[in-house]
């Protein structure tokens, strides 16, 4: 009984949301499954993701969350989409939390991670779910404090989608984005400490001027390397031109994109990226997240007659006895 209670308490600390994303798919977001989810459920989640990989690549991947490494599962946020008709998994994005520092203070960055979509579902407008939804949920979940994001890819369509969802991204094919000190600091730390998150080996070098990782496919992500002809292109030729000019596809180069999600970019994502039919259900959940992690703690704090455990004991005037 104690074990069940403790498991339920841990679960309440992390996101586990499910709701209809469109007429075709159901969305599920699971935060840090390795910290609270029973092993049998973790195995089911991994099997769902691996089934999408097998239909997308005709082969397996064994790095990051897909390796089943308990530490990776403790730091992962998985967004997985299921077909409403048959319940089969059709797409997923496995994000990873990365502890870093910025200007002497600890920060937690989110790596956008591996994205896989069943070929039969690639034209159903799911990119808003896979390239921004979970980040906005985490942004609200963390009290709307700015959230740093990273993305590693050589695929022009993904470079463009990340830049569209997060205008502060550097590099950015659509805007004169500036490589700030914060961008560079985050990028350096990721390359020094977090290469295992996206399957880049120690042999790879990082060009700090262009934010290009050279010889990037030696650390577990080898099966994802593409030629220029194989890499899916973006509808905006500027994204294609940036990748074609800056990346050596024979050597296996990647861009490391760094972006900052704040209130303004979250608002733009909701208004410009989310389909109107899906917006009410998403806003409903965002409101409850903000109530649970913002408004409710404030109301508790303003009630001095109630104890708050280690954070604040019962006010002395309310604890006196005659």
C-alpha atoms as a PDB file:
ATOM      1  CA  UNK A   1       0.000   0.000   0.000  1.00  0.00           C
ATOM      2  CA  UNK A   2       2.819   2.414   0.880  1.00  0.00           C
ATOM      3  CA  UNK A   3       4.537   1.639  -2.417  1.00  0.00           C
ATOM      4  CA  UNK A   4       1.343   2.361  -4.373  1.00  0.00           C
ATOM      5  CA  UNK A   5       0.827   5.635  -2.509  1.00  0.00           C
ATOM      6  CA  UNK A   6       4.412   6.729  -3.175  1.00  0.00           C
ATOM      7  CA  UNK A   7       4.071   5.854  -6.870  1.00  0.00           C
ATOM      8  CA  UNK A   8       0.865   7.895  -7.127  1.00  0.00           C
ATOM      9  CA  UNK A   9       2.527  10.850  -5.366  1.00  0.00           C
ATOM     10  CA  UNK A  10       5.453  10.791  -7.797  1.00  0.00           C
ATOM     11  CA  UNK A  11       3.097  10.588 -10.770  1.00  0.00           C
ATOM     12  CA  UNK A  12       1.293  13.765  -9.693  1.00  0.00           C
ATOM     13  CA  UNK A  13       4.589  15.672  -9.969  1.00  0.00           C
ATOM     14  CA  UNK A  14       4.973  14.913 -13.678  1.00  0.00           C
ATOM     15  CA  UNK A  15       2.891  15.391 -16.805  1.00  0.00           C
ATOM     16  CA  UNK A  16       0.861  12.487 -18.153  1.00  0.00           C
ATOM     17  CA  UNK A  17      -1.712  14.052 -20.464  1.00  0.00           C
ATOM     18  CA  UNK A  18      -3.880  12.541 -23.182  1.00  0.00           C
ATOM     19  CA  UNK A  19      -6.367  14.348 -25.421  1.00  0.00           C
ATOM     20  CA  UNK A  20      -7.630  14.405 -29.043  1.00  0.00           C
ATOM     21  CA  UNK A  21      -5.246  16.360 -31.240  1.00  0.00           C
ATOM     22  CA  UNK A  22      -7.323  16.202 -34.414  1.00  0.00           C
ATOM     23  CA  UNK A  23      -9.967  14.096 -36.101  1.00  0.00           C
ATOM     24  CA  UNK A  24      -7.286  11.491 -36.862  1.00  0.00           C
ATOM     25  CA  UNK A  25      -4.962  11.286 -33.848  1.00  0.00           C
ATOM     26  CA  UNK A  26      -4.846  11.274 -30.057  1.00  0.00           C
ATOM     27  CA  UNK A  27      -1.929  12.968 -28.290  1.00  0.00           C
ATOM     28  CA  UNK A  28      -0.175  11.660 -25.205  1.00  0.00           C
ATOM     29  CA  UNK A  29       2.571  13.553 -23.348  1.00  0.00           C
ATOM     30  CA  UNK A  30       4.571  11.686 -20.689  1.00  0.00           C
ATOM     31  CA  UNK A  31       7.140  13.530 -18.576  1.00  0.00           C
ATOM     32  CA  UNK A  32      10.130  11.681 -17.071  1.00  0.00           C
ATOM     33  CA  UNK A  33       8.619   8.148 -17.216  1.00  0.00           C
ATOM     34  CA  UNK A  34      11.728   6.651 -15.630  1.00  0.00           C
ATOM     35  CA  UNK A  35      10.966   8.495 -12.380  1.00  0.00           C
ATOM     36  CA  UNK A  36       7.444   7.213 -11.750  1.00  0.00           C
ATOM     37  CA  UNK A  37       6.135   4.815 -14.383  1.00  0.00           C
ATOM     38  CA  UNK A  38       6.079   1.038 -13.686  1.00  0.00           C
ATOM     39  CA  UNK A  39       8.526  -0.923 -15.816  1.00  0.00           C
ATOM     40  CA  UNK A  40       5.766  -2.756 -17.707  1.00  0.00           C
ATOM     41  CA  UNK A  41       4.292   0.587 -18.813  1.00  0.00           C
ATOM     42  CA  UNK A  42       7.741   1.860 -19.787  1.00  0.00           C
ATOM     43  CA  UNK A  43       8.235  -1.227 -21.938  1.00  0.00           C
ATOM     44  CA  UNK A  44       4.897  -0.577 -23.664  1.00  0.00           C
ATOM     45  CA  UNK A  45       5.889   3.038 -24.332  1.00  0.00           C
ATOM     46  CA  UNK A  46       9.256   1.979 -25.773  1.00  0.00           C
ATOM     47  CA  UNK A  47       7.604  -0.666 -27.957  1.00  0.00           C
ATOM     48  CA  UNK A  48       5.215   1.962 -29.341  1.00  0.00           C
ATOM     49  CA  UNK A  49       8.111   4.256 -30.256  1.00  0.00           C
ATOM     50  CA  UNK A  50      10.184   1.446 -31.744  1.00  0.00           C
ATOM     51  CA  UNK A  51       7.274   0.351 -33.914  1.00  0.00           C
ATOM     52  CA  UNK A  52       7.145   3.856 -35.431  1.00  0.00           C
ATOM     53  CA  UNK A  53      10.918   3.715 -36.024  1.00  0.00           C
ATOM     54  CA  UNK A  54      10.668   0.343 -37.785  1.00  0.00           C
ATOM     55  CA  UNK A  55       8.012   1.664 -40.177  1.00  0.00           C
ATOM     56  CA  UNK A  56       9.946   4.874 -40.807  1.00  0.00           C
ATOM     57  CA  UNK A  57      13.483   3.515 -41.264  1.00  0.00           C
ATOM     58  CA  UNK A  58      13.120  -0.247 -41.801  1.00  0.00           C
ATOM     59  CA  UNK A  59      15.762  -0.617 -39.085  1.00  0.00           C
ATOM     60  CA  UNK A  60      16.265  -0.010 -35.380  1.00  0.00           C
ATOM     61  CA  UNK A  61      17.904   2.799 -33.404  1.00  0.00           C
ATOM     62  CA  UNK A  62      19.662   2.248 -30.097  1.00  0.00           C
ATOM     63  CA  UNK A  63      20.597   5.640 -28.682  1.00  0.00           C
ATOM     64  CA  UNK A  64      18.926   8.106 -26.329  1.00  0.00           C
ATOM     65  CA  UNK A  65      15.525   7.098 -24.966  1.00  0.00           C
ATOM     66  CA  UNK A  66      15.182   4.251 -27.474  1.00  0.00           C
ATOM     67  CA  UNK A  67      18.120   2.449 -25.849  1.00  0.00           C
ATOM     68  CA  UNK A  68      15.987   1.860 -22.757  1.00  0.00           C
ATOM     69  CA  UNK A  69      18.729   3.388 -20.576  1.00  0.00           C
ATOM     70  CA  UNK A  70      17.078   4.191 -17.204  1.00  0.00           C
ATOM     71  CA  UNK A  71      18.927   7.507 -16.911  1.00  0.00           C
ATOM     72  CA  UNK A  72      17.706   8.628 -20.354  1.00  0.00           C
ATOM     73  CA  UNK A  73      14.145   7.685 -19.363  1.00  0.00           C
ATOM     74  CA  UNK A  74      14.448   9.747 -16.189  1.00  0.00           C
ATOM     75  CA  UNK A  75      15.256  12.845 -18.278  1.00  0.00           C
ATOM     76  CA  UNK A  76      12.855  12.262 -21.190  1.00  0.00           C
ATOM     77  CA  UNK A  77       9.572  13.860 -22.190  1.00  0.00           C
ATOM     78  CA  UNK A  78       7.804  11.705 -24.764  1.00  0.00           C
ATOM     79  CA  UNK A  79       5.060  13.007 -27.038  1.00  0.00           C
ATOM     80  CA  UNK A  80       3.424  10.132 -28.873  1.00  0.00           C
ATOM     81  CA  UNK A  81       0.502  10.195 -31.309  1.00  0.00           C
ATOM     82  CA  UNK A  82      -1.984   7.359 -31.798  1.00  0.00           C
ATOM     83  CA  UNK A  83      -4.418   6.723 -34.627  1.00  0.00           C
ATOM     84  CA  UNK A  84      -7.941   7.202 -33.272  1.00  0.00           C
ATOM     85  CA  UNK A  85      -9.406   4.354 -35.301  1.00  0.00           C
ATOM     86  CA  UNK A  86      -7.040   1.509 -34.473  1.00  0.00           C
ATOM     87  CA  UNK A  87      -4.974   2.861 -31.562  1.00  0.00           C
ATOM     88  CA  UNK A  88      -1.665   2.265 -33.347  1.00  0.00           C
ATOM     89  CA  UNK A  89       1.236   4.646 -32.624  1.00  0.00           C
ATOM     90  CA  UNK A  90       1.946   6.804 -35.675  1.00  0.00           C
ATOM     91  CA  UNK A  91       4.481   9.441 -34.560  1.00  0.00           C
ATOM     92  CA  UNK A  92       6.557  10.553 -31.579  1.00  0.00           C
ATOM     93  CA  UNK A  93       9.047  13.106 -30.345  1.00  0.00           C
ATOM     94  CA  UNK A  94      11.418  12.135 -27.532  1.00  0.00           C
ATOM     95  CA  UNK A  95      12.653  15.296 -25.810  1.00  0.00           C
ATOM     96  CA  UNK A  96      15.431  15.280 -23.212  1.00  0.00           C
ATOM     97  CA  UNK A  97      16.035  17.539 -20.213  1.00  0.00           C
ATOM     98  CA  UNK A  98      19.628  18.755 -19.912  1.00  0.00           C
ATOM     99  CA  UNK A  99      20.989  20.415 -16.741  1.00  0.00           C
ATOM    100  CA  UNK A 100      23.222  23.359 -17.712  1.00  0.00           C
ATOM    101  CA  UNK A 101      24.392  26.715 -16.355  1.00  0.00           C
ATOM    102  CA  UNK A 102      23.858  30.213 -17.679  1.00  0.00           C
ATOM    103  CA  UNK A 103      25.486  33.330 -16.213  1.00  0.00           C
ATOM    104  CA  UNK A 104      26.395  31.390 -13.078  1.00  0.00           C
ATOM    105  CA  UNK A 105      22.881  30.072 -12.479  1.00  0.00           C
ATOM    106  CA  UNK A 106      21.577  26.507 -13.071  1.00  0.00           C
ATOM    107  CA  UNK A 107      19.151  26.200 -15.987  1.00  0.00           C
ATOM    108  CA  UNK A 108      17.365  23.282 -17.571  1.00  0.00           C
ATOM    109  CA  UNK A 109      17.424  23.142 -21.370  1.00  0.00           C
ATOM    110  CA  UNK A 110      15.252  20.876 -23.517  1.00  0.00           C
ATOM    111  CA  UNK A 111      16.651  18.997 -26.495  1.00  0.00           C
ATOM    112  CA  UNK A 112      13.948  18.621 -29.141  1.00  0.00           C
ATOM    113  CA  UNK A 113      15.153  15.103 -29.713  1.00  0.00           C
ATOM    114  CA  UNK A 114      14.315  12.375 -32.151  1.00  0.00           C
ATOM    115  CA  UNK A 115      11.177  12.876 -34.259  1.00  0.00           C
ATOM    116  CA  UNK A 116       9.680   9.961 -36.169  1.00  0.00           C
ATOM    117  CA  UNK A 117       6.476   9.910 -38.235  1.00  0.00           C
ATOM    118  CA  UNK A 118       4.921   6.893 -39.939  1.00  0.00           C
ATOM    119  CA  UNK A 119       5.221   7.578 -43.711  1.00  0.00           C
ATOM    120  CA  UNK A 120       1.439   7.245 -44.105  1.00  0.00           C
ATOM    121  CA  UNK A 121       0.859  10.187 -41.730  1.00  0.00           C
ATOM    122  CA  UNK A 122       3.487  12.677 -42.922  1.00  0.00           C
ATOM    123  CA  UNK A 123       0.999  14.887 -44.771  1.00  0.00           C
ATOM    124  CA  UNK A 124      -1.569  15.224 -41.983  1.00  0.00           C
ATOM    125  CA  UNK A 125      -0.293  18.477 -40.462  1.00  0.00           C
ATOM    126  CA  UNK A 126       1.246  17.009 -37.309  1.00  0.00           C
ATOM    127  CA  UNK A 127       4.355  19.199 -37.182  1.00  0.00           C
ATOM    128  CA  UNK A 128       2.802  21.630 -34.657  1.00  0.00           C
ATOM    129  CA  UNK A 129       2.493  18.737 -32.192  1.00  0.00           C
ATOM    130  CA  UNK A 130       5.986  17.369 -32.745  1.00  0.00           C
ATOM    131  CA  UNK A 131       7.904  20.667 -32.926  1.00  0.00           C
ATOM    132  CA  UNK A 132       6.412  22.905 -30.265  1.00  0.00           C
ATOM    133  CA  UNK A 133       3.436  21.576 -28.334  1.00  0.00           C
ATOM    134  CA  UNK A 134       5.368  19.817 -25.573  1.00  0.00           C
ATOM    135  CA  UNK A 135       7.746  22.751 -25.193  1.00  0.00           C
ATOM    136  CA  UNK A 136       4.818  25.111 -24.588  1.00  0.00           C
ATOM    137  CA  UNK A 137       3.375  22.679 -22.025  1.00  0.00           C
ATOM    138  CA  UNK A 138       6.727  22.586 -20.216  1.00  0.00           C
ATOM    139  CA  UNK A 139       6.983  26.370 -20.404  1.00  0.00           C
ATOM    140  CA  UNK A 140       3.623  26.740 -18.621  1.00  0.00           C
ATOM    141  CA  UNK A 141       4.435  23.837 -16.279  1.00  0.00           C
ATOM    142  CA  UNK A 142       7.551  25.727 -15.134  1.00  0.00           C
ATOM    143  CA  UNK A 143       5.727  28.944 -14.322  1.00  0.00           C
ATOM    144  CA  UNK A 144       6.295  30.580 -17.746  1.00  0.00           C
ATOM    145  CA  UNK A 145       9.973  31.145 -17.089  1.00  0.00           C
ATOM    146  CA  UNK A 146      12.087  31.296 -20.289  1.00  0.00           C
ATOM    147  CA  UNK A 147      13.041  27.839 -21.530  1.00  0.00           C
ATOM    148  CA  UNK A 148      16.131  27.097 -23.641  1.00  0.00           C
ATOM    149  CA  UNK A 149      15.782  24.598 -26.485  1.00  0.00           C
ATOM    150  CA  UNK A 150      18.228  22.757 -28.734  1.00  0.00           C
ATOM    151  CA  UNK A 151      17.881  20.836 -31.980  1.00  0.00           C
ATOM    152  CA  UNK A 152      20.428  18.797 -33.964  1.00  0.00           C
ATOM    153  CA  UNK A 153      19.632  17.953 -37.584  1.00  0.00           C
ATOM    154  CA  UNK A 154      20.821  17.983 -41.187  1.00  0.00           C
ATOM    155  CA  UNK A 155      17.270  17.841 -42.610  1.00  0.00           C
ATOM    156  CA  UNK A 156      16.174  21.137 -44.246  1.00  0.00           C
ATOM    157  CA  UNK A 157      12.490  20.588 -43.443  1.00  0.00           C
ATOM    158  CA  UNK A 158      13.276  20.235 -39.723  1.00  0.00           C
ATOM    159  CA  UNK A 159      15.650  23.221 -39.687  1.00  0.00           C
ATOM    160  CA  UNK A 160      12.811  25.262 -41.178  1.00  0.00           C
ATOM    161  CA  UNK A 161      10.101  23.924 -38.874  1.00  0.00           C
ATOM    162  CA  UNK A 162      12.136  24.684 -35.753  1.00  0.00           C
ATOM    163  CA  UNK A 163      12.861  28.210 -37.000  1.00  0.00           C
ATOM    164  CA  UNK A 164       9.154  28.745 -37.743  1.00  0.00           C
ATOM    165  CA  UNK A 165       8.074  27.525 -34.295  1.00  0.00           C
ATOM    166  CA  UNK A 166      10.856  29.391 -32.429  1.00  0.00           C
ATOM    167  CA  UNK A 167      11.914  32.642 -34.173  1.00  0.00           C
ATOM    168  CA  UNK A 168      14.807  33.138 -31.713  1.00  0.00           C
ATOM    169  CA  UNK A 169      16.512  30.007 -33.099  1.00  0.00           C
ATOM    170  CA  UNK A 170      20.100  30.298 -34.260  1.00  0.00           C
ATOM    171  CA  UNK A 171      20.881  29.397 -37.014  1.00  0.00           C
ATOM    172  CA  UNK A 172      17.686  30.650 -38.638  1.00  0.00           C
ATOM    173  CA  UNK A 173      17.131  30.634 -42.407  1.00  0.00           C
ATOM    174  CA  UNK A 174      14.192  33.054 -42.229  1.00  0.00           C
ATOM    175  CA  UNK A 175      15.483  35.896 -40.061  1.00  0.00           C
ATOM    176  CA  UNK A 176      18.627  37.775 -39.124  1.00  0.00           C
ATOM    177  CA  UNK A 177      18.846  35.977 -35.777  1.00  0.00           C
ATOM    178  CA  UNK A 178      21.821  36.979 -33.655  1.00  0.00           C
ATOM    179  CA  UNK A 179      24.268  34.522 -32.144  1.00  0.00           C
ATOM    180  CA  UNK A 180      24.124  35.936 -28.615  1.00  0.00           C
ATOM    181  CA  UNK A 181      26.412  35.136 -25.709  1.00  0.00           C
ATOM    182  CA  UNK A 182      23.642  32.969 -24.242  1.00  0.00           C
ATOM    183  CA  UNK A 183      23.244  31.013 -27.497  1.00  0.00           C
ATOM    184  CA  UNK A 184      26.975  30.331 -27.575  1.00  0.00           C
ATOM    185  CA  UNK A 185      27.206  29.429 -23.879  1.00  0.00           C
ATOM    186  CA  UNK A 186      24.346  26.936 -24.137  1.00  0.00           C
ATOM    187  CA  UNK A 187      25.797  25.415 -27.331  1.00  0.00           C
ATOM    188  CA  UNK A 188      29.273  24.976 -25.818  1.00  0.00           C
ATOM    189  CA  UNK A 189      27.926  23.205 -22.742  1.00  0.00           C
ATOM    190  CA  UNK A 190      25.738  20.896 -24.811  1.00  0.00           C
ATOM    191  CA  UNK A 191      28.710  19.873 -26.949  1.00  0.00           C
ATOM    192  CA  UNK A 192      30.902  19.388 -23.874  1.00  0.00           C
ATOM    193  CA  UNK A 193      28.445  17.455 -21.673  1.00  0.00           C
ATOM    194  CA  UNK A 194      25.388  16.263 -23.585  1.00  0.00           C
ATOM    195  CA  UNK A 195      26.524  14.660 -26.864  1.00  0.00           C
ATOM    196  CA  UNK A 196      25.081  11.310 -25.815  1.00  0.00           C
ATOM    197  CA  UNK A 197      21.566  12.829 -25.851  1.00  0.00           C
ATOM    198  CA  UNK A 198      21.593  13.114 -29.654  1.00  0.00           C
ATOM    199  CA  UNK A 199      24.054  10.359 -30.572  1.00  0.00           C
ATOM    200  CA  UNK A 200      27.135  12.427 -31.518  1.00  0.00           C
ATOM    201  CA  UNK A 201      30.517  10.853 -30.775  1.00  0.00           C
ATOM    202  CA  UNK A 202      33.668  12.481 -29.336  1.00  0.00           C
ATOM    203  CA  UNK A 203      35.241  12.642 -32.823  1.00  0.00           C
ATOM    204  CA  UNK A 204      32.785  15.310 -33.965  1.00  0.00           C
ATOM    205  CA  UNK A 205      33.950  18.928 -33.926  1.00  0.00           C
ATOM    206  CA  UNK A 206      31.862  22.047 -33.423  1.00  0.00           C
ATOM    207  CA  UNK A 207      32.144  25.173 -35.556  1.00  0.00           C
ATOM    208  CA  UNK A 208      31.126  27.971 -33.164  1.00  0.00           C
ATOM    209  CA  UNK A 209      30.688  30.545 -35.913  1.00  0.00           C
ATOM    210  CA  UNK A 210      28.179  28.570 -37.985  1.00  0.00           C
ATOM    211  CA  UNK A 211      26.852  26.269 -35.217  1.00  0.00           C
ATOM    212  CA  UNK A 212      27.702  23.263 -37.374  1.00  0.00           C
ATOM    213  CA  UNK A 213      28.711  19.869 -35.954  1.00  0.00           C
ATOM    214  CA  UNK A 214      31.117  18.197 -38.393  1.00  0.00           C
ATOM    215  CA  UNK A 215      31.346  14.399 -38.706  1.00  0.00           C
ATOM    216  CA  UNK A 216      28.284  14.076 -36.451  1.00  0.00           C
ATOM    217  CA  UNK A 217      27.188  10.483 -37.165  1.00  0.00           C
ATOM    218  CA  UNK A 218      29.576   8.372 -35.075  1.00  0.00           C
ATOM    219  CA  UNK A 219      27.873   8.129 -31.684  1.00  0.00           C
ATOM    220  CA  UNK A 220      24.801   5.937 -32.172  1.00  0.00           C
ATOM    221  CA  UNK A 221      22.830   8.022 -34.669  1.00  0.00           C
ATOM    222  CA  UNK A 222      24.680   6.518 -37.670  1.00  0.00           C
ATOM    223  CA  UNK A 223      21.487   5.124 -39.214  1.00  0.00           C
ATOM    224  CA  UNK A 224      19.994   8.628 -39.469  1.00  0.00           C
ATOM    225  CA  UNK A 225      22.676  10.048 -41.774  1.00  0.00           C
ATOM    226  CA  UNK A 226      21.244  11.162 -45.116  1.00  0.00           C
ATOM    227  CA  UNK A 227      22.517  12.335 -48.465  1.00  0.00           C
ATOM    228  CA  UNK A 228      21.350  15.693 -49.797  1.00  0.00           C
ATOM    229  CA  UNK A 229      18.906  13.956 -52.124  1.00  0.00           C
ATOM    230  CA  UNK A 230      17.463  11.832 -49.282  1.00  0.00           C
ATOM    231  CA  UNK A 231      16.965  14.709 -46.828  1.00  0.00           C
ATOM    232  CA  UNK A 232      13.338  16.011 -46.904  1.00  0.00           C
ATOM    233  CA  UNK A 233      13.216  19.593 -48.129  1.00  0.00           C
ATOM    234  CA  UNK A 234      11.314  22.550 -46.695  1.00  0.00           C
ATOM    235  CA  UNK A 235       8.656  24.373 -48.703  1.00  0.00           C
ATOM    236  CA  UNK A 236      10.641  27.607 -48.244  1.00  0.00           C
ATOM    237  CA  UNK A 237      13.772  27.470 -50.392  1.00  0.00           C
ATOM    238  CA  UNK A 238      15.726  29.580 -47.867  1.00  0.00           C
ATOM    239  CA  UNK A 239      15.917  26.626 -45.464  1.00  0.00           C
ATOM    240  CA  UNK A 240      17.085  24.331 -48.249  1.00  0.00           C
ATOM    241  CA  UNK A 241      19.701  26.838 -49.396  1.00  0.00           C
ATOM    242  CA  UNK A 242      21.126  27.255 -45.889  1.00  0.00           C
ATOM    243  CA  UNK A 243      21.608  23.494 -45.460  1.00  0.00           C
ATOM    244  CA  UNK A 244      22.957  22.986 -48.974  1.00  0.00           C
ATOM    245  CA  UNK A 245      25.514  25.779 -48.493  1.00  0.00           C
ATOM    246  CA  UNK A 246      26.679  25.159 -44.916  1.00  0.00           C
ATOM    247  CA  UNK A 247      26.512  21.370 -44.455  1.00  0.00           C
ATOM    248  CA  UNK A 248      28.757  18.679 -45.948  1.00  0.00           C
ATOM    249  CA  UNK A 249      26.409  15.720 -46.469  1.00  0.00           C
ATOM    250  CA  UNK A 250      29.223  13.389 -47.556  1.00  0.00           C
ATOM    251  CA  UNK A 251      31.045  13.944 -44.253  1.00  0.00           C
ATOM    252  CA  UNK A 252      27.850  13.941 -42.181  1.00  0.00           C
ATOM    253  CA  UNK A 253      27.368  17.448 -40.769  1.00  0.00           C
ATOM    254  CA  UNK A 254      24.527  18.722 -38.589  1.00  0.00           C
ATOM    255  CA  UNK A 255      23.272  22.094 -37.464  1.00  0.00           C
ATOM    256  CA  UNK A 256      22.988  22.694 -33.717  1.00  0.00           C
ATOM    257  CA  UNK A 257      20.049  25.102 -33.381  1.00  0.00           C
ATOM    258  CA  UNK A 258      19.600  26.942 -30.079  1.00  0.00           C
ATOM    259  CA  UNK A 259      16.363  28.795 -29.269  1.00  0.00           C
ATOM    260  CA  UNK A 260      14.714  30.522 -26.329  1.00  0.00           C
ATOM    261  CA  UNK A 261      11.026  29.994 -25.594  1.00  0.00           C
ATOM    262  CA  UNK A 262       9.448  32.905 -23.750  1.00  0.00           C
ATOM    263  CA  UNK A 263       5.941  34.321 -23.370  1.00  0.00           C
ATOM    264  CA  UNK A 264       6.002  36.118 -26.716  1.00  0.00           C
ATOM    265  CA  UNK A 265       7.168  33.072 -28.695  1.00  0.00           C
ATOM    266  CA  UNK A 266       4.664  30.831 -26.876  1.00  0.00           C
ATOM    267  CA  UNK A 267       1.870  33.241 -27.836  1.00  0.00           C
ATOM    268  CA  UNK A 268       3.023  33.237 -31.469  1.00  0.00           C
ATOM    269  CA  UNK A 269       3.097  29.448 -31.501  1.00  0.00           C
ATOM    270  CA  UNK A 270      -0.472  29.199 -30.196  1.00  0.00           C
ATOM    271  CA  UNK A 271      -1.809  31.793 -32.644  1.00  0.00           C
ATOM    272  CA  UNK A 272       0.169  30.869 -35.756  1.00  0.00           C
ATOM    273  CA  UNK A 273       1.100  27.174 -35.538  1.00  0.00           C
ATOM    274  CA  UNK A 274      -1.777  25.415 -33.739  1.00  0.00           C
ATOM    275  CA  UNK A 275      -4.809  24.591 -35.961  1.00  0.00           C
ATOM    276  CA  UNK A 276      -7.935  26.451 -34.884  1.00  0.00           C
ATOM    277  CA  UNK A 277      -9.871  23.221 -34.311  1.00  0.00           C
ATOM    278  CA  UNK A 278      -7.203  21.958 -31.905  1.00  0.00           C
ATOM    279  CA  UNK A 279      -6.677  25.227 -30.027  1.00  0.00           C
ATOM    280  CA  UNK A 280      -9.604  25.033 -27.514  1.00  0.00           C
ATOM    281  CA  UNK A 281      -8.562  21.626 -26.143  1.00  0.00           C
ATOM    282  CA  UNK A 282      -4.951  22.763 -25.816  1.00  0.00           C
ATOM    283  CA  UNK A 283      -5.821  26.079 -24.146  1.00  0.00           C
ATOM    284  CA  UNK A 284      -8.069  24.193 -21.696  1.00  0.00           C
ATOM    285  CA  UNK A 285      -5.112  22.091 -20.555  1.00  0.00           C
ATOM    286  CA  UNK A 286      -2.755  25.047 -20.436  1.00  0.00           C
ATOM    287  CA  UNK A 287      -5.163  26.887 -18.155  1.00  0.00           C
ATOM    288  CA  UNK A 288      -5.295  23.995 -15.733  1.00  0.00           C
ATOM    289  CA  UNK A 289      -1.510  23.674 -15.781  1.00  0.00           C
ATOM    290  CA  UNK A 290      -1.165  27.377 -14.992  1.00  0.00           C
ATOM    291  CA  UNK A 291      -3.713  27.052 -12.175  1.00  0.00           C
ATOM    292  CA  UNK A 292      -1.922  24.066 -10.692  1.00  0.00           C
ATOM    293  CA  UNK A 293       1.598  25.450 -10.927  1.00  0.00           C
ATOM    294  CA  UNK A 294       1.054  29.201 -10.688  1.00  0.00           C
ATOM    295  CA  UNK A 295      -2.221  30.460  -9.276  1.00  0.00           C
ATOM    296  CA  UNK A 296      -2.829  27.679  -6.752  1.00  0.00           C
ATOM    297  CA  UNK A 297       0.573  27.992  -4.991  1.00  0.00           C
ATOM    298  CA  UNK A 298       0.003  31.752  -4.745  1.00  0.00           C
ATOM    299  CA  UNK A 299      -3.398  31.219  -3.108  1.00  0.00           C
ATOM    300  CA  UNK A 300      -1.846  28.738  -0.683  1.00  0.00           C
ATOM    301  CA  UNK A 301       0.917  31.186   0.181  1.00  0.00           C
ATOM    302  CA  UNK A 302      -1.612  33.914   0.932  1.00  0.00           C
ATOM    303  CA  UNK A 303      -3.390  31.673   3.451  1.00  0.00           C
ATOM    304  CA  UNK A 304      -1.168  31.882   6.570  1.00  0.00           C
ATOM    305  CA  UNK A 305      -3.574  29.839   8.682  1.00  0.00           C
ATOM    306  CA  UNK A 306      -2.687  26.693   6.726  1.00  0.00           C
ATOM    307  CA  UNK A 307       0.632  24.885   7.093  1.00  0.00           C
ATOM    308  CA  UNK A 308       2.689  24.148   3.969  1.00  0.00           C
ATOM    309  CA  UNK A 309       5.007  21.443   5.270  1.00  0.00           C
ATOM    310  CA  UNK A 310       8.710  22.257   4.918  1.00  0.00           C
ATOM    311  CA  UNK A 311       8.014  25.398   2.892  1.00  0.00           C
ATOM    312  CA  UNK A 312       6.117  27.196   5.658  1.00  0.00           C
ATOM    313  CA  UNK A 313       4.983  25.952   9.079  1.00  0.00           C
ATOM    314  CA  UNK A 314       1.665  26.924  10.546  1.00  0.00           C
ATOM    315  CA  UNK A 315       1.601  30.599  11.534  1.00  0.00           C
ATOM    316  CA  UNK A 316       2.324  30.947  15.331  1.00  0.00           C
ATOM    317  CA  UNK A 317      -0.841  32.873  16.100  1.00  0.00           C
ATOM    318  CA  UNK A 318      -2.876  30.005  14.686  1.00  0.00           C
ATOM    319  CA  UNK A 319      -0.903  27.344  16.515  1.00  0.00           C
ATOM    320  CA  UNK A 320      -1.380  28.613  20.084  1.00  0.00           C
ATOM    321  CA  UNK A 321      -3.391  26.536  22.566  1.00  0.00           C
ATOM    322  CA  UNK A 322      -4.883  27.617  25.823  1.00  0.00           C
END
